[in-house]
Amino acid sequence: MLFRSYIDQGASANITTSNVLIGAANLAINWQGGSAPSGTASKKDIVTLSIINVNGANTVFGQLVSFG
């Protein structure tokens, strides 16, 4: 599964980087680069979460791309 979110950042950028709840499983996001992004002030950010299921186990991968 793939989820995307658009964030039009103001002067103080922020992004929610909490875990993802899938069923009863509270899963940490594996962020590209190894750590959660903080957002980009005064830019347009796209956050993408990819949920991969292998043999019944879900893994969440996240990345942020900034535009503008």
C-alpha atoms as a PDB file:
ATOM      1  CA  MET A   1       0.000   0.000   0.000  1.00  0.00           C
ATOM      2  CA  LEU A   2       1.084   3.534  -0.647  1.00  0.00           C
ATOM      3  CA  PHE A   3      -0.091   6.683   1.160  1.00  0.00           C
ATOM      4  CA  ARG A   4       0.886  10.247   0.285  1.00  0.00           C
ATOM      5  CA  SER A   5       0.319  13.467   2.170  1.00  0.00           C
ATOM      6  CA  TYR A   6       0.852  17.048   0.973  1.00  0.00           C
ATOM      7  CA  ILE A   7       1.981  19.648   3.530  1.00  0.00           C
ATOM      8  CA  ASP A   8       2.211  23.348   2.605  1.00  0.00           C
ATOM      9  CA  GLN A   9       4.744  24.439   5.251  1.00  0.00           C
ATOM     10  CA  GLY A  10       4.785  27.860   6.835  1.00  0.00           C
ATOM     11  CA  ALA A  11       7.769  29.652   8.366  1.00  0.00           C
ATOM     12  CA  SER A  12       8.000  26.977  11.084  1.00  0.00           C
ATOM     13  CA  ALA A  13       7.953  23.568   9.416  1.00  0.00           C
ATOM     14  CA  ASN A  14       6.777  20.484  11.238  1.00  0.00           C
ATOM     15  CA  ILE A  15       5.810  16.939  10.429  1.00  0.00           C
ATOM     16  CA  THR A  16       4.250  14.121  12.431  1.00  0.00           C
ATOM     17  CA  THR A  17       6.736  11.270  12.682  1.00  0.00           C
ATOM     18  CA  SER A  18       4.894   8.974  15.086  1.00  0.00           C
ATOM     19  CA  ASN A  19       4.329   5.261  14.617  1.00  0.00           C
ATOM     20  CA  VAL A  20       1.648   3.809  12.333  1.00  0.00           C
ATOM     21  CA  LEU A  21      -1.096   1.609  13.781  1.00  0.00           C
ATOM     22  CA  ILE A  22      -2.080  -1.268  11.480  1.00  0.00           C
ATOM     23  CA  GLY A  23      -4.628  -3.571  13.114  1.00  0.00           C
ATOM     24  CA  ALA A  24      -3.216  -4.183  16.575  1.00  0.00           C
ATOM     25  CA  ALA A  25       0.386  -3.586  15.481  1.00  0.00           C
ATOM     26  CA  ASN A  26       2.031  -0.265  16.371  1.00  0.00           C
ATOM     27  CA  LEU A  27       4.785   0.001  13.730  1.00  0.00           C
ATOM     28  CA  ALA A  28       7.740   2.357  13.653  1.00  0.00           C
ATOM     29  CA  ILE A  29       8.373   4.167  10.373  1.00  0.00           C
ATOM     30  CA  ASN A  30      11.676   3.279   8.730  1.00  0.00           C
ATOM     31  CA  TRP A  31      12.642   6.703   7.360  1.00  0.00           C
ATOM     32  CA  GLN A  32      14.817   7.145   4.301  1.00  0.00           C
ATOM     33  CA  GLY A  33      18.283   8.147   5.490  1.00  0.00           C
ATOM     34  CA  GLY A  34      17.776   6.525   8.897  1.00  0.00           C
ATOM     35  CA  SER A  35      16.043   9.302  10.846  1.00  0.00           C
ATOM     36  CA  ALA A  36      12.722  11.138  10.764  1.00  0.00           C
ATOM     37  CA  PRO A  37      12.648  14.360   8.703  1.00  0.00           C
ATOM     38  CA  SER A  38      11.668  17.693  10.223  1.00  0.00           C
ATOM     39  CA  GLY A  39      10.000  19.284   7.197  1.00  0.00           C
ATOM     40  CA  THR A  40      11.199  22.223   5.129  1.00  0.00           C
ATOM     41  CA  ALA A  41      10.156  25.757   6.123  1.00  0.00           C
ATOM     42  CA  SER A  42       8.192  27.739   3.530  1.00  0.00           C
ATOM     43  CA  LYS A  43       8.193  24.821   1.064  1.00  0.00           C
ATOM     44  CA  LYS A  44       5.739  22.192  -0.101  1.00  0.00           C
ATOM     45  CA  ASP A  45       6.497  18.752   1.336  1.00  0.00           C
ATOM     46  CA  ILE A  46       5.194  15.399   0.140  1.00  0.00           C
ATOM     47  CA  VAL A  47       5.357  12.573   2.684  1.00  0.00           C
ATOM     48  CA  THR A  48       5.059   9.042   1.306  1.00  0.00           C
ATOM     49  CA  LEU A  49       4.480   5.960   3.442  1.00  0.00           C
ATOM     50  CA  SER A  50       4.886   2.553   1.809  1.00  0.00           C
ATOM     51  CA  ILE A  51       3.516  -0.438   3.690  1.00  0.00           C
ATOM     52  CA  ILE A  52       5.008  -3.736   2.613  1.00  0.00           C
ATOM     53  CA  ASN A  53       3.629  -7.086   3.802  1.00  0.00           C
ATOM     54  CA  VAL A  54       5.930 -10.108   3.621  1.00  0.00           C
ATOM     55  CA  ASN A  55       4.636 -13.409   4.971  1.00  0.00           C
ATOM     56  CA  GLY A  56       2.051 -11.626   7.136  1.00  0.00           C
ATOM     57  CA  ALA A  57       4.460  -9.116   8.687  1.00  0.00           C
ATOM     58  CA  ASN A  58       4.064  -5.410   7.824  1.00  0.00           C
ATOM     59  CA  THR A  59       6.937  -2.964   7.474  1.00  0.00           C
ATOM     60  CA  VAL A  60       6.470   0.793   6.984  1.00  0.00           C
ATOM     61  CA  PHE A  61       8.913   2.869   4.935  1.00  0.00           C
ATOM     62  CA  GLY A  62       8.707   6.671   4.873  1.00  0.00           C
ATOM     63  CA  GLN A  63      10.256   9.455   2.860  1.00  0.00           C
ATOM     64  CA  LEU A  64       9.837  13.210   2.508  1.00  0.00           C
ATOM     65  CA  VAL A  65      10.431  15.175  -0.676  1.00  0.00           C
ATOM     66  CA  SER A  66      10.419  18.974  -0.663  1.00  0.00           C
ATOM     67  CA  PHE A  67       9.352  21.229  -3.570  1.00  0.00           C
ATOM     68  CA  GLY A  68       9.500  24.951  -4.185  1.00  0.00           C
END
